[in-house]
């Protein structure tokens, strides 16, 4: 006999909660590399071919309706990358939690409508054939 889908969904939701609690520091956004041209005349960044300054790492994100951008120092780069991965994992886990919660509600609603293992008694009344007009 297969496991009740409600129990499986509830177990997965509890597992998601445990995984969420284990996540570390979070940070939303996108990390990009920037190369810049300075204003110094005769600098290598203006030569042909140009050797621009960089790479500089820039974090861009929108939080509470405000767009923000920050430069990330090389020594902070691995920490910021980990925070971005954690945030991505957070979003994926929350989305899965919501998907499972919706499915659980659907299964429970179905069980309430048809309490005997969702088997409905079949009608014994035969359908009348339509008479052509």
C-alpha atoms as a PDB file:
ATOM      1  CA  UNK A   1       0.000   0.000   0.000  1.00  0.00           C
ATOM      2  CA  UNK A   2       1.389   3.393  -0.934  1.00  0.00           C
ATOM      3  CA  UNK A   3       1.952   6.186   1.555  1.00  0.00           C
ATOM      4  CA  UNK A   4      -0.806   8.738   2.059  1.00  0.00           C
ATOM      5  CA  UNK A   5       0.100  11.776  -0.104  1.00  0.00           C
ATOM      6  CA  UNK A   6      -0.768  14.085   2.789  1.00  0.00           C
ATOM      7  CA  UNK A   7       1.868  12.475   4.995  1.00  0.00           C
ATOM      8  CA  UNK A   8       4.505  12.667   2.241  1.00  0.00           C
ATOM      9  CA  UNK A   9       3.728  16.361   1.633  1.00  0.00           C
ATOM     10  CA  UNK A  10       3.827  17.165   5.359  1.00  0.00           C
ATOM     11  CA  UNK A  11       7.174  15.362   5.713  1.00  0.00           C
ATOM     12  CA  UNK A  12       8.645  17.342   2.823  1.00  0.00           C
ATOM     13  CA  UNK A  13       7.383  20.631   4.298  1.00  0.00           C
ATOM     14  CA  UNK A  14       9.036  19.775   7.626  1.00  0.00           C
ATOM     15  CA  UNK A  15      12.256  18.906   5.783  1.00  0.00           C
ATOM     16  CA  UNK A  16      12.117  22.263   3.963  1.00  0.00           C
ATOM     17  CA  UNK A  17      11.717  24.076   7.304  1.00  0.00           C
ATOM     18  CA  UNK A  18      14.825  22.290   8.614  1.00  0.00           C
ATOM     19  CA  UNK A  19      16.800  23.235   5.488  1.00  0.00           C
ATOM     20  CA  UNK A  20      15.687  26.868   5.812  1.00  0.00           C
ATOM     21  CA  UNK A  21      16.836  27.005   9.434  1.00  0.00           C
ATOM     22  CA  UNK A  22      20.270  25.724   8.373  1.00  0.00           C
ATOM     23  CA  UNK A  23      20.868  28.464   5.799  1.00  0.00           C
ATOM     24  CA  UNK A  24      23.520  31.003   6.690  1.00  0.00           C
ATOM     25  CA  UNK A  25      23.685  34.702   5.913  1.00  0.00           C
ATOM     26  CA  UNK A  26      21.556  35.879   2.990  1.00  0.00           C
ATOM     27  CA  UNK A  27      21.943  38.566   0.375  1.00  0.00           C
ATOM     28  CA  UNK A  28      19.816  39.169  -2.726  1.00  0.00           C
ATOM     29  CA  UNK A  29      21.208  40.407  -5.993  1.00  0.00           C
ATOM     30  CA  UNK A  30      23.427  39.825  -8.966  1.00  0.00           C
ATOM     31  CA  UNK A  31      27.201  39.983  -8.906  1.00  0.00           C
ATOM     32  CA  UNK A  32      28.949  41.292 -12.027  1.00  0.00           C
ATOM     33  CA  UNK A  33      32.480  42.169 -13.070  1.00  0.00           C
ATOM     34  CA  UNK A  34      33.168  45.726 -14.170  1.00  0.00           C
ATOM     35  CA  UNK A  35      36.120  47.100 -16.133  1.00  0.00           C
ATOM     36  CA  UNK A  36      36.622  50.856 -16.098  1.00  0.00           C
ATOM     37  CA  UNK A  37      38.340  53.574 -18.074  1.00  0.00           C
ATOM     38  CA  UNK A  38      39.902  56.318 -15.976  1.00  0.00           C
ATOM     39  CA  UNK A  39      40.326  59.993 -16.723  1.00  0.00           C
ATOM     40  CA  UNK A  40      44.150  60.046 -16.731  1.00  0.00           C
ATOM     41  CA  UNK A  41      45.597  61.087 -20.092  1.00  0.00           C
ATOM     42  CA  UNK A  42      47.997  58.519 -21.579  1.00  0.00           C
ATOM     43  CA  UNK A  43      46.834  55.712 -19.269  1.00  0.00           C
ATOM     44  CA  UNK A  44      46.924  52.120 -20.538  1.00  0.00           C
ATOM     45  CA  UNK A  45      43.133  51.982 -20.423  1.00  0.00           C
ATOM     46  CA  UNK A  46      42.987  54.357 -23.419  1.00  0.00           C
ATOM     47  CA  UNK A  47      45.552  52.536 -25.585  1.00  0.00           C
ATOM     48  CA  UNK A  48      44.688  50.433 -28.605  1.00  0.00           C
ATOM     49  CA  UNK A  49      43.815  47.711 -27.656  1.00  0.00           C
ATOM     50  CA  UNK A  50      42.528  49.049 -24.381  1.00  0.00           C
ATOM     51  CA  UNK A  51      43.667  47.480 -21.125  1.00  0.00           C
ATOM     52  CA  UNK A  52      40.896  48.622 -18.855  1.00  0.00           C
ATOM     53  CA  UNK A  53      41.171  48.777 -15.083  1.00  0.00           C
ATOM     54  CA  UNK A  54      39.574  45.913 -13.220  1.00  0.00           C
ATOM     55  CA  UNK A  55      37.932  43.618 -12.719  1.00  0.00           C
ATOM     56  CA  UNK A  56      35.841  45.272 -10.056  1.00  0.00           C
ATOM     57  CA  UNK A  57      32.939  43.321  -8.612  1.00  0.00           C
ATOM     58  CA  UNK A  58      29.581  45.015  -8.329  1.00  0.00           C
ATOM     59  CA  UNK A  59      26.504  43.762  -6.505  1.00  0.00           C
ATOM     60  CA  UNK A  60      23.151  45.055  -7.784  1.00  0.00           C
ATOM     61  CA  UNK A  61      19.798  44.365  -6.143  1.00  0.00           C
ATOM     62  CA  UNK A  62      16.366  45.780  -5.422  1.00  0.00           C
ATOM     63  CA  UNK A  63      15.108  45.633  -1.863  1.00  0.00           C
ATOM     64  CA  UNK A  64      11.905  47.170  -0.507  1.00  0.00           C
ATOM     65  CA  UNK A  65      11.304  48.962  -3.782  1.00  0.00           C
ATOM     66  CA  UNK A  66      14.744  50.594  -3.986  1.00  0.00           C
ATOM     67  CA  UNK A  67      17.456  49.645  -6.444  1.00  0.00           C
ATOM     68  CA  UNK A  68      20.932  49.551  -4.987  1.00  0.00           C
ATOM     69  CA  UNK A  69      24.423  48.902  -6.206  1.00  0.00           C
ATOM     70  CA  UNK A  70      27.561  48.224  -4.176  1.00  0.00           C
ATOM     71  CA  UNK A  71      31.156  47.498  -5.051  1.00  0.00           C
ATOM     72  CA  UNK A  72      32.492  44.322  -3.454  1.00  0.00           C
ATOM     73  CA  UNK A  73      36.123  44.138  -2.427  1.00  0.00           C
ATOM     74  CA  UNK A  74      38.174  41.147  -3.547  1.00  0.00           C
ATOM     75  CA  UNK A  75      38.609  39.918   0.037  1.00  0.00           C
ATOM     76  CA  UNK A  76      34.787  39.939   0.533  1.00  0.00           C
ATOM     77  CA  UNK A  77      34.016  38.227  -2.769  1.00  0.00           C
ATOM     78  CA  UNK A  78      33.720  34.621  -1.545  1.00  0.00           C
ATOM     79  CA  UNK A  79      31.526  35.666   1.407  1.00  0.00           C
ATOM     80  CA  UNK A  80      29.167  37.634  -0.860  1.00  0.00           C
ATOM     81  CA  UNK A  81      28.989  34.732  -3.335  1.00  0.00           C
ATOM     82  CA  UNK A  82      28.015  32.374  -0.493  1.00  0.00           C
ATOM     83  CA  UNK A  83      25.326  34.825   0.697  1.00  0.00           C
ATOM     84  CA  UNK A  84      23.945  35.027  -2.853  1.00  0.00           C
ATOM     85  CA  UNK A  85      23.847  31.200  -3.106  1.00  0.00           C
ATOM     86  CA  UNK A  86      22.057  31.026   0.252  1.00  0.00           C
ATOM     87  CA  UNK A  87      19.492  33.573  -0.912  1.00  0.00           C
ATOM     88  CA  UNK A  88      18.894  31.637  -4.133  1.00  0.00           C
ATOM     89  CA  UNK A  89      18.448  28.463  -2.084  1.00  0.00           C
ATOM     90  CA  UNK A  90      16.046  30.309   0.243  1.00  0.00           C
ATOM     91  CA  UNK A  91      13.861  31.384  -2.680  1.00  0.00           C
ATOM     92  CA  UNK A  92      13.858  27.853  -4.149  1.00  0.00           C
ATOM     93  CA  UNK A  93      12.920  26.287  -0.803  1.00  0.00           C
ATOM     94  CA  UNK A  94      10.156  28.824  -0.139  1.00  0.00           C
ATOM     95  CA  UNK A  95       8.724  28.229  -3.619  1.00  0.00           C
ATOM     96  CA  UNK A  96       8.789  24.460  -3.054  1.00  0.00           C
ATOM     97  CA  UNK A  97       7.136  24.927   0.360  1.00  0.00           C
ATOM     98  CA  UNK A  98       4.321  26.950  -1.206  1.00  0.00           C
ATOM     99  CA  UNK A  99       3.902  24.386  -4.019  1.00  0.00           C
ATOM    100  CA  UNK A 100       3.660  21.576  -1.454  1.00  0.00           C
ATOM    101  CA  UNK A 101       1.266  23.549   0.743  1.00  0.00           C
ATOM    102  CA  UNK A 102      -1.033  24.184  -2.240  1.00  0.00           C
ATOM    103  CA  UNK A 103      -0.931  20.493  -3.175  1.00  0.00           C
ATOM    104  CA  UNK A 104      -1.583  19.485   0.446  1.00  0.00           C
ATOM    105  CA  UNK A 105      -4.623  21.781   0.586  1.00  0.00           C
ATOM    106  CA  UNK A 106      -5.886  20.295  -2.677  1.00  0.00           C
ATOM    107  CA  UNK A 107      -5.483  16.710  -1.405  1.00  0.00           C
ATOM    108  CA  UNK A 108      -7.144  17.530   1.930  1.00  0.00           C
ATOM    109  CA  UNK A 109     -10.036  19.259   0.168  1.00  0.00           C
ATOM    110  CA  UNK A 110     -10.458  16.203  -2.039  1.00  0.00           C
ATOM    111  CA  UNK A 111     -10.434  13.892   1.014  1.00  0.00           C
ATOM    112  CA  UNK A 112     -13.144  16.025   2.677  1.00  0.00           C
ATOM    113  CA  UNK A 113     -15.335  15.830  -0.399  1.00  0.00           C
ATOM    114  CA  UNK A 114     -14.925  12.073  -0.757  1.00  0.00           C
ATOM    115  CA  UNK A 115     -13.971  10.573   2.606  1.00  0.00           C
ATOM    116  CA  UNK A 116     -14.026   6.888   1.479  1.00  0.00           C
ATOM    117  CA  UNK A 117     -10.686   6.976  -0.370  1.00  0.00           C
ATOM    118  CA  UNK A 118     -12.112   9.298  -2.980  1.00  0.00           C
ATOM    119  CA  UNK A 119     -14.351   6.585  -4.409  1.00  0.00           C
ATOM    120  CA  UNK A 120     -17.731   7.940  -5.333  1.00  0.00           C
ATOM    121  CA  UNK A 121     -20.745   5.701  -5.576  1.00  0.00           C
ATOM    122  CA  UNK A 122     -21.749   5.311  -9.168  1.00  0.00           C
ATOM    123  CA  UNK A 123     -25.189   6.418 -10.133  1.00  0.00           C
ATOM    124  CA  UNK A 124     -27.651   3.661 -10.910  1.00  0.00           C
ATOM    125  CA  UNK A 125     -29.862   5.968 -12.876  1.00  0.00           C
ATOM    126  CA  UNK A 126     -29.324   5.543 -16.559  1.00  0.00           C
ATOM    127  CA  UNK A 127     -29.040   8.643 -18.632  1.00  0.00           C
ATOM    128  CA  UNK A 128     -31.904   9.239 -20.989  1.00  0.00           C
ATOM    129  CA  UNK A 129     -31.036   9.397 -24.619  1.00  0.00           C
ATOM    130  CA  UNK A 130     -31.735  12.694 -26.273  1.00  0.00           C
ATOM    131  CA  UNK A 131     -34.577  12.623 -28.675  1.00  0.00           C
ATOM    132  CA  UNK A 132     -33.932  14.325 -32.006  1.00  0.00           C
ATOM    133  CA  UNK A 133     -36.169  17.297 -32.686  1.00  0.00           C
END
